[in-house]
Structures are given as structure tokens and as C-alpha cells.
Protein backbone atom coordinates (compact mmCIF):
# COMPACT_ATOMS: atom_id res chain seq x y z
CA UNK A 1 176.65 197.18 66.69
CA UNK A 2 177.86 194.92 69.51
CA UNK A 3 176.44 191.58 70.76
CA UNK A 4 173.88 191.80 73.53
CA UNK A 5 176.00 189.91 76.02
CA UNK A 6 179.29 191.62 75.16
CA UNK A 7 182.25 190.25 73.33
CA UNK A 8 183.78 188.51 76.31
CA UNK A 9 180.57 187.09 77.90
CA UNK A 10 179.60 183.38 77.29
CA UNK A 11 176.05 182.65 76.16
CA UNK A 12 173.56 181.63 78.83
CA UNK A 13 172.50 177.99 79.52
CA UNK A 14 175.93 176.56 78.58
CA UNK A 15 177.98 174.27 80.62
CA UNK A 16 181.12 175.94 81.84
CA UNK A 17 183.02 172.68 81.42
CA UNK A 18 182.09 172.34 77.75
CA UNK A 19 185.12 172.68 75.46
CA UNK A 20 185.63 175.91 73.65
CA UNK A 21 185.60 174.17 70.25
CA UNK A 22 182.14 172.79 70.93
CA UNK A 23 180.93 176.26 71.91
CA UNK A 24 182.27 177.75 68.74
CA UNK A 25 180.60 175.05 66.63
CA UNK A 26 177.33 175.63 68.45
CA UNK A 27 177.53 179.37 67.92
CA UNK A 28 178.28 178.89 64.24
CA UNK A 29 175.22 176.66 63.85
CA UNK A 30 172.83 178.78 65.92
CA UNK A 31 173.74 182.42 65.39
CA UNK A 32 172.51 183.98 62.18
CA UNK A 33 174.75 185.85 59.83
CA UNK A 34 172.79 189.04 60.14
CA UNK A 35 174.48 191.95 61.83
CA UNK A 36 177.75 191.64 63.57
CA UNK A 37 178.85 188.07 64.25
CA UNK A 38 180.52 187.09 67.47
CA UNK A 39 184.21 187.60 67.78
CA UNK A 40 185.07 183.89 67.86
CA UNK A 41 182.43 182.77 65.26
CA UNK A 42 183.62 181.68 61.82
CA UNK A 43 182.65 183.76 58.84
CA UNK A 44 179.26 183.08 57.30
CA UNK A 45 180.68 181.96 53.94
CA UNK A 46 182.93 179.41 55.66
CA UNK A 47 179.95 177.97 57.58
CA UNK A 48 177.95 177.82 54.35
CA UNK A 49 180.74 175.98 52.56
CA UNK A 50 180.96 173.47 55.45
CA UNK A 51 177.21 172.82 55.27
CA UNK A 52 177.20 172.36 51.49
CA UNK A 53 180.25 170.07 51.43
CA UNK A 54 178.51 166.86 52.61
CA UNK A 55 175.67 167.30 50.14
CA UNK A 56 178.08 167.91 47.26
CA UNK A 57 180.14 164.86 48.21
CA UNK A 58 177.07 162.61 48.25
CA UNK A 59 175.69 163.97 44.98
CA UNK A 60 179.01 163.92 43.17
CA UNK A 61 179.30 160.07 43.14
CA UNK A 62 181.99 159.74 45.83
CA UNK A 63 182.85 156.29 47.19
CA UNK A 64 181.39 157.06 50.61
CA UNK A 65 177.94 155.30 50.93
CA UNK A 66 175.53 154.93 53.79
CA UNK A 67 175.12 151.39 55.27
CA UNK A 68 172.00 149.35 54.29
CA UNK A 69 169.51 148.96 57.09
CA UNK A 70 167.00 146.08 56.71
CA UNK A 71 163.44 146.85 57.63
CA UNK A 72 161.96 143.91 59.54
CA UNK A 73 158.47 144.87 58.44
CA UNK A 74 159.35 144.53 54.74
CA UNK A 75 161.04 141.06 54.85
CA UNK A 76 158.79 137.93 54.61
CA UNK A 77 158.49 135.78 57.75
CA UNK A 78 160.48 132.54 57.99
CA UNK A 79 158.56 129.36 56.99
CA UNK A 80 157.22 127.39 59.96
CA UNK A 81 159.23 124.33 61.05
CA UNK A 82 157.80 121.05 59.66
CA UNK A 83 156.36 118.74 62.32
CA UNK A 84 157.99 115.33 62.62
CA UNK A 85 156.00 112.13 62.16
CA UNK A 86 155.59 110.22 65.41
CA UNK A 87 157.72 107.08 65.51
CA UNK A 88 155.26 105.39 67.87
CA UNK A 89 152.45 105.90 65.34
CA UNK A 90 154.45 104.13 62.62
CA UNK A 91 155.44 101.37 65.06
CA UNK A 92 151.80 100.72 65.97
CA UNK A 93 150.91 99.94 62.34
CA UNK A 94 154.00 97.82 61.71
CA UNK A 95 153.68 95.84 64.96
CA UNK A 96 150.15 94.74 64.06
CA UNK A 97 151.60 92.49 61.35
CA UNK A 98 153.66 90.33 63.73
CA UNK A 99 151.21 87.82 65.16
CA UNK A 100 149.36 87.86 68.50
CA UNK A 101 152.12 89.60 70.44
CA UNK A 102 152.48 92.21 67.70
CA UNK A 103 148.74 92.93 67.86
CA UNK A 104 148.98 93.61 71.59
CA UNK A 105 152.06 95.79 71.01
CA UNK A 106 150.15 97.76 68.33
CA UNK A 107 147.53 98.69 70.93
CA UNK A 108 150.20 99.93 73.34
CA UNK A 109 152.13 101.87 70.67
CA UNK A 110 148.98 103.43 69.20
CA UNK A 111 147.74 104.58 72.59
CA UNK A 112 151.16 106.04 73.51
CA UNK A 113 151.45 107.82 70.12
CA UNK A 114 148.05 109.48 70.55
CA UNK A 115 149.01 110.72 74.01
CA UNK A 116 152.33 112.03 72.70
CA UNK A 117 150.69 113.96 69.84
CA UNK A 118 147.96 115.37 72.10
CA UNK A 119 150.56 116.72 74.51
CA UNK A 120 152.74 118.31 71.77
CA UNK A 121 150.57 118.91 68.70
CA UNK A 122 152.99 121.46 67.28
CA UNK A 123 155.98 119.11 67.32
CA UNK A 124 154.47 115.73 66.29
CA UNK A 125 152.04 114.57 63.65
CA UNK A 126 150.48 111.20 62.81
CA UNK A 127 147.40 111.12 65.06
CA UNK A 128 145.31 109.41 62.36
CA UNK A 129 148.06 106.84 61.75
CA UNK A 130 148.21 106.08 65.47
CA UNK A 131 144.43 105.62 65.52
CA UNK A 132 144.67 103.15 62.62
CA UNK A 133 147.39 101.17 64.40
CA UNK A 134 145.35 101.11 67.61
CA UNK A 135 142.24 99.89 65.77
CA UNK A 136 144.20 97.20 63.91
CA UNK A 137 145.71 96.02 67.17
CA UNK A 138 142.29 95.65 68.83
CA UNK A 139 140.78 93.88 65.81
CA UNK A 140 143.68 91.48 65.33
CA UNK A 141 143.85 90.73 69.05
CA UNK A 142 140.21 89.64 68.97
CA UNK A 143 140.82 87.53 65.86
CA UNK A 144 143.92 85.86 67.28
CA UNK A 145 142.15 85.18 70.59
CA UNK A 146 139.22 83.55 68.79
CA UNK A 147 141.51 81.46 66.58
CA UNK A 148 143.66 80.28 69.48
CA UNK A 149 140.61 79.48 71.60
CA UNK A 150 139.02 77.52 68.75
CA UNK A 151 142.25 75.62 68.16
CA UNK A 152 142.55 74.70 71.83
CA UNK A 153 138.93 73.56 71.87
CA UNK A 154 139.43 71.44 68.75
CA UNK A 155 142.59 69.89 70.16
CA UNK A 156 141.03 69.01 73.51
CA UNK A 157 137.79 67.75 71.97
CA UNK A 158 139.10 65.75 69.06
CA UNK A 159 142.48 64.67 70.35
CA UNK A 160 141.43 61.07 69.91
CA UNK A 161 141.37 61.36 66.10
CA UNK A 162 143.92 60.21 63.60
CA UNK A 163 146.83 61.96 65.29
CA UNK A 164 145.89 60.76 68.76
CA UNK A 165 145.43 57.23 67.48
CA UNK A 166 149.07 57.06 66.46
CA UNK A 167 150.13 58.40 69.86
CA UNK A 168 147.91 55.94 71.67
CA UNK A 169 149.32 53.15 69.58
CA UNK A 170 152.86 53.96 70.71
CA UNK A 171 151.80 54.18 74.36
CA UNK A 172 150.00 50.83 74.39
CA UNK A 173 151.60 48.40 76.74
CA UNK A 174 152.96 45.28 75.02
CA UNK A 175 151.86 43.13 77.95
CA UNK A 176 148.60 41.26 77.47
CA UNK A 177 145.57 42.55 79.32
CA UNK A 178 144.85 40.49 82.37
CA UNK A 179 143.05 42.38 85.09
CA UNK A 180 141.06 45.39 83.93
CA UNK A 181 138.59 44.12 81.34
CA UNK A 182 139.85 41.10 79.41
CA UNK A 183 137.91 39.83 76.47
CA UNK A 184 135.21 37.52 77.74
CA UNK A 185 135.91 33.92 76.66
CA UNK A 186 133.14 31.88 75.17
CA UNK A 187 132.23 28.93 77.40
CA UNK A 188 133.39 25.58 76.17
CA UNK A 189 129.90 24.17 76.54
CA UNK A 190 127.88 24.70 73.37
CA UNK A 191 124.98 27.11 73.58
CA UNK A 192 121.45 25.80 73.76
CA UNK A 193 120.02 24.54 70.52
CA UNK A 194 117.26 27.10 70.44
CA UNK A 195 119.13 30.22 71.50
CA UNK A 196 116.85 33.16 72.03
CA UNK A 197 117.96 36.58 70.87
CA UNK A 198 119.52 38.64 73.60
CA UNK A 199 118.04 41.85 74.85
CA UNK A 200 120.17 43.91 72.43
CA UNK A 201 119.21 41.94 69.30
CA UNK A 202 116.23 43.45 67.45
CA UNK A 203 113.67 41.46 65.48
CA UNK A 204 114.43 43.44 62.32
CA UNK A 205 117.70 44.99 61.22
CA UNK A 206 117.90 48.57 62.47
CA UNK A 207 120.01 51.46 61.24
CA UNK A 208 120.51 54.57 63.35
CA UNK A 209 123.05 57.31 63.84
CA UNK A 210 124.83 58.37 66.99
CA UNK A 211 126.33 61.73 66.16
CA UNK A 212 128.23 61.16 62.92
CA UNK A 213 128.54 57.37 63.40
CA UNK A 214 126.28 54.87 61.58
CA UNK A 215 125.26 51.90 63.76
CA UNK A 216 123.53 48.83 62.35
CA UNK A 217 122.14 46.02 64.55
CA UNK A 218 121.52 42.82 62.55
CA UNK A 219 118.00 41.53 63.21
CA UNK A 220 117.03 37.92 63.72
CA UNK A 221 114.71 37.85 60.70
CA UNK A 222 117.46 37.96 58.02
CA UNK A 223 117.97 34.98 55.74
CA UNK A 224 121.76 34.68 56.02
CA UNK A 225 124.39 36.83 57.67
CA UNK A 226 126.61 36.88 54.57
CA UNK A 227 123.83 38.34 52.42
CA UNK A 228 123.08 41.02 55.01
CA UNK A 229 126.77 41.92 55.34
CA UNK A 230 127.01 42.21 51.54
CA UNK A 231 124.00 44.55 51.51
CA UNK A 232 125.42 46.67 54.34
CA UNK A 233 128.77 46.93 52.58
CA UNK A 234 127.09 48.09 49.35
CA UNK A 235 125.11 50.76 51.19
CA UNK A 236 128.18 51.87 53.10
CA UNK A 237 130.22 52.15 49.89
CA UNK A 238 127.51 54.31 48.32
CA UNK A 239 127.71 56.69 51.29
CA UNK A 240 131.50 56.73 51.50
CA UNK A 241 131.61 54.64 54.69
CA UNK A 242 133.79 51.71 55.76
CA UNK A 243 132.22 48.61 57.33
CA UNK A 244 133.47 47.52 60.77
CA UNK A 245 131.82 44.35 62.13
CA UNK A 246 131.51 44.08 65.92
CA UNK A 247 130.69 40.73 67.57
CA UNK A 248 128.76 41.11 70.80
CA UNK A 249 126.67 39.18 73.27
CA UNK A 250 124.16 39.76 76.03
CA UNK A 251 125.13 39.89 78.82
CA UNK A 252 128.62 41.30 78.11
CA UNK A 253 129.85 44.17 80.25
CA UNK A 254 132.87 45.01 78.00
CA UNK A 255 130.44 45.18 75.04
CA UNK A 256 128.18 47.58 76.94
CA UNK A 257 131.22 49.71 77.79
CA UNK A 258 131.93 50.07 74.06
CA UNK A 259 128.26 50.91 73.42
CA UNK A 260 128.28 53.65 76.08
CA UNK A 261 131.43 55.25 74.67
CA UNK A 262 130.12 55.59 71.09
CA UNK A 263 128.66 59.05 71.73
CA UNK A 264 131.94 60.39 73.13
CA UNK A 265 133.69 62.96 70.86
CA UNK A 266 136.83 60.82 70.89
CA UNK A 267 134.95 57.84 69.50
CA UNK A 268 133.07 60.04 67.05
CA UNK A 269 136.38 61.22 65.62
CA UNK A 270 138.04 57.80 65.67
CA UNK A 271 135.11 56.14 63.82
CA UNK A 272 134.39 58.94 61.39
CA UNK A 273 133.02 57.62 58.05
CA UNK A 274 132.59 54.13 59.59
CA UNK A 275 129.48 51.90 59.60
CA UNK A 276 129.54 49.78 62.76
CA UNK A 277 127.63 46.52 62.13
CA UNK A 278 126.89 44.67 65.40
CA UNK A 279 126.32 40.90 65.27
CA UNK A 280 125.19 38.76 68.22
CA UNK A 281 127.41 35.66 68.57
CA UNK A 282 124.63 33.58 70.13
CA UNK A 283 121.99 34.26 67.50
CA UNK A 284 124.33 34.05 64.47
CA UNK A 285 126.71 31.32 65.65
CA UNK A 286 126.46 29.15 62.50
CA UNK A 287 126.67 32.16 60.18
CA UNK A 288 129.82 33.42 61.90
CA UNK A 289 131.42 29.99 61.64
CA UNK A 290 130.52 29.86 57.96
CA UNK A 291 132.35 33.10 57.11
CA UNK A 292 135.28 32.14 59.44
CA UNK A 293 134.74 35.05 61.85
CA UNK A 294 136.13 34.28 65.34
CA UNK A 295 133.59 34.43 68.16
CA UNK A 296 135.44 33.00 71.15
CA UNK A 297 136.77 36.39 72.36
CA UNK A 298 134.36 39.31 72.33
CA UNK A 299 133.75 42.09 71.73
CA UNK A 300 135.57 41.49 68.48
CA UNK A 301 136.11 43.97 65.63
CA UNK A 302 136.73 42.84 62.04
CA UNK A 303 137.42 44.38 58.63
CA UNK A 304 135.92 42.44 55.74
CA UNK A 305 137.72 41.14 52.68
CA UNK A 306 135.99 41.03 49.26
CA UNK A 307 134.58 37.54 49.98
CA UNK A 308 133.12 38.77 53.31
CA UNK A 309 135.62 36.80 55.40
CA UNK A 310 137.62 38.71 58.06
CA UNK A 311 140.63 40.48 56.60
CA UNK A 312 141.88 41.72 59.97
CA UNK A 313 140.59 41.60 63.52
CA UNK A 314 141.15 42.64 67.14
CA UNK A 315 139.19 42.21 70.37
CA UNK A 316 138.56 44.07 73.60
CA UNK A 317 141.76 42.78 75.12
CA UNK A 318 143.71 45.48 73.24
CA UNK A 319 142.80 48.12 75.83
CA UNK A 320 142.27 48.30 79.57
CA UNK A 321 139.16 49.97 81.01
CA UNK A 322 136.26 50.12 78.55
CA UNK A 323 136.18 53.91 78.25
CA UNK A 324 136.46 56.17 75.24
CA UNK A 325 139.93 57.40 76.15
CA UNK A 326 141.28 53.83 75.89
CA UNK A 327 139.11 52.50 73.05
CA UNK A 328 139.24 55.41 70.57
CA UNK A 329 143.00 55.35 69.83
CA UNK A 330 142.93 51.59 69.17
CA UNK A 331 139.83 51.49 66.95
CA UNK A 332 140.79 54.70 65.15
CA UNK A 333 144.14 53.24 64.13
CA UNK A 334 142.65 49.80 63.38
CA UNK A 335 140.00 50.94 60.85
CA UNK A 336 142.68 52.95 59.02
CA UNK A 337 145.14 50.06 58.85
CA UNK A 338 147.66 51.72 61.16
CA UNK A 339 147.37 49.50 64.24
CA UNK A 340 150.54 47.41 64.08
CA UNK A 341 151.79 47.02 67.67
CA UNK A 342 149.28 44.68 69.29
CA UNK A 343 148.87 42.72 72.48
CA UNK A 344 147.40 39.77 70.59
CA UNK A 345 148.42 39.16 66.98
CA UNK A 346 145.74 38.47 64.39
CA UNK A 347 145.39 34.82 63.34
CA UNK A 348 142.58 34.06 60.84
CA UNK A 349 140.68 30.84 61.30
CA UNK A 350 141.70 27.94 59.06
CA UNK A 351 139.97 28.00 55.72
CA UNK A 352 139.57 31.78 55.55
CA UNK A 353 139.62 33.16 52.06
CA UNK A 354 142.28 35.83 52.62
CA UNK A 355 145.18 36.36 54.98
CA UNK A 356 147.40 39.37 55.65
């Protein structure tokens, strides 16, 4: 029985340019072994042995192995990349610890860190840390501003205190005062025998406070000035105050200038913990002479020794205009024993109990 297309005819649907070997292999794979095989086809047993050979080689433990192909659906995914902590967030917290400028820098760094994290949330972390740094910066900026403002206010208000008194002492001119407001000299003529109390002298001794300063005006009804000064010193010691005696008169414009300046913050600081005892030189002339307290130049200011005589004294000639800015540095240093450079040196009257 012959093939349907004849022994010399090529099968249909084949490329004429296909090699003959490929045609033979195709015929061997396609044509069955039933009936008469084609002329050029290999025997059926040879084709069967060729088909069984690969299977036998793989099952017989030969060295030939198929390559391993990795299934992407069976391998676990790679771990996500860890986000980096924002350097600006850390800087905002650290900068808050470096004073006023650091507090302002903490606000800037914290705000910039928050913007950076909001723009790239997958690459940066530390939003809460940046918020803490920003909050610390705002809080510390307010605290530093309040502290600096309070310090400036204290310095400008109380610059006439103990520190300013030393500065004012160094700036005092060594030349004697001559033109502005010299201490008023007492006239050579003796006062009238029956001197009437001036307008500033009360009938009874008065004690009042101007701010934190105690002011005592000796009244005309006291028995002796020495007894009243002893009583005032005892009361002042019980209250932790220091007695400063001021001699005054009426009229006396330099004395009134001192009186007007007592409420000034500079004077309040300079005379802190001081009891200012004012004595009229016309009413208590004999008493002042008895305790050897000078009364020719006034207003005068004296510190008492244990026997109530003047231990040290100055007068209004130690400053120029009678204003708080000029008076406070001098009196502040004087009551604390620090007023050494003077226009007029202190000379106690003859017969005084104590001398420096």
C-alpha cells in the first residue's frame, strides 16, 4: 500500500526552503507507524528508542540536571527601607538649650523639620520630635524675653542703688560746689531769742513712710533732742533700720529739693532700710550744739556714734542740682560707709565724743 501523495511528493503546507533533515524529523514525529511508512522516514523502533532515551537518561541518575527557576510568587517580599530621623528635628530640641538665640533657632528648626517630613513622609521621621522642639523654642523665647525685660526694667529703675552709688562716687568732681546749689550758710547774726518753729516743724514728733523709707520729723514738744534721738535709734534698731539725721531749716530751697526727691526710685533704693530723722536747726539750736552736731551748713546729714554725737557727716555741697540723680549716689554710699572721695572733708566739732 503506497502513501497517498506518492513516494516522491512532499507533504502539503511545508516550506520549500525548509531543510530536508527538518522535514524528515517532522515526518518521523507526525506520521504513525501503521501501514507503510514513507520512504525517507526512520523505522518505528528507532523513533521509539529516540523518544525513550531522554526519559531513561533523566531517570537513571545522570549528571545532566535542569536549571532551577525561582518563582517570584513564592519568595517573600524584601523588607521596607527604614526611614531616617530628620536632622532638623533633633537640632530643634538641642538648640533650645542654648540661651535666647538657641530658643529662636529651635523655632526655626522645628518649623523646617515639620515641613520637610510633611513633604516626604516616606523618607523622614521625627514629626513629634520636631513639634516638641518647636514648642520648647516658643516657651523658652517667652521666658527669656520676660527675664530680659524685667532685668532691663530693674536696671533702669534701681540704677541708683548700691552699685550706682559706687559709680557716682567715682564720677563726682573733686572741685567744691560753687554755683549750682551750695550749702546755705548760717547767718553770722544769732537767731532771735524766741525762734518760732518753721512751717515744716510739727508740734509733735511724726513718723511716716514714703515708699519704703521711714521719715521722722522731730516735734517741738520733746524734752531734749538727745533723748528723742536715743528713742528713735532704739526703734530703728528693732526694725532693722539705720538712723540718718538730717539738719534742715525753713526756708531752705536745697532742703526742699531733698524732700521732693525722697519718693524717687533712686532715692528709695539708696536709702533702703534707713530712718531719716529731720531736725530743724532754728528750733533745736542749743540741742544741736550740745551734741556737737554742725549746723552752719545745711542740709546736713550725720551718722550717730554710740554717745549720739556725729560719727560722720556731709552736707548738700557734695552734689550739684538738688535732684534724685545727683543726691542718691552720694547718700547711698554715705550711709553704707563707702563715700570716701569728698568735696569737703569731715571735721567733727571740738569736744565731740568720737572721731574717725
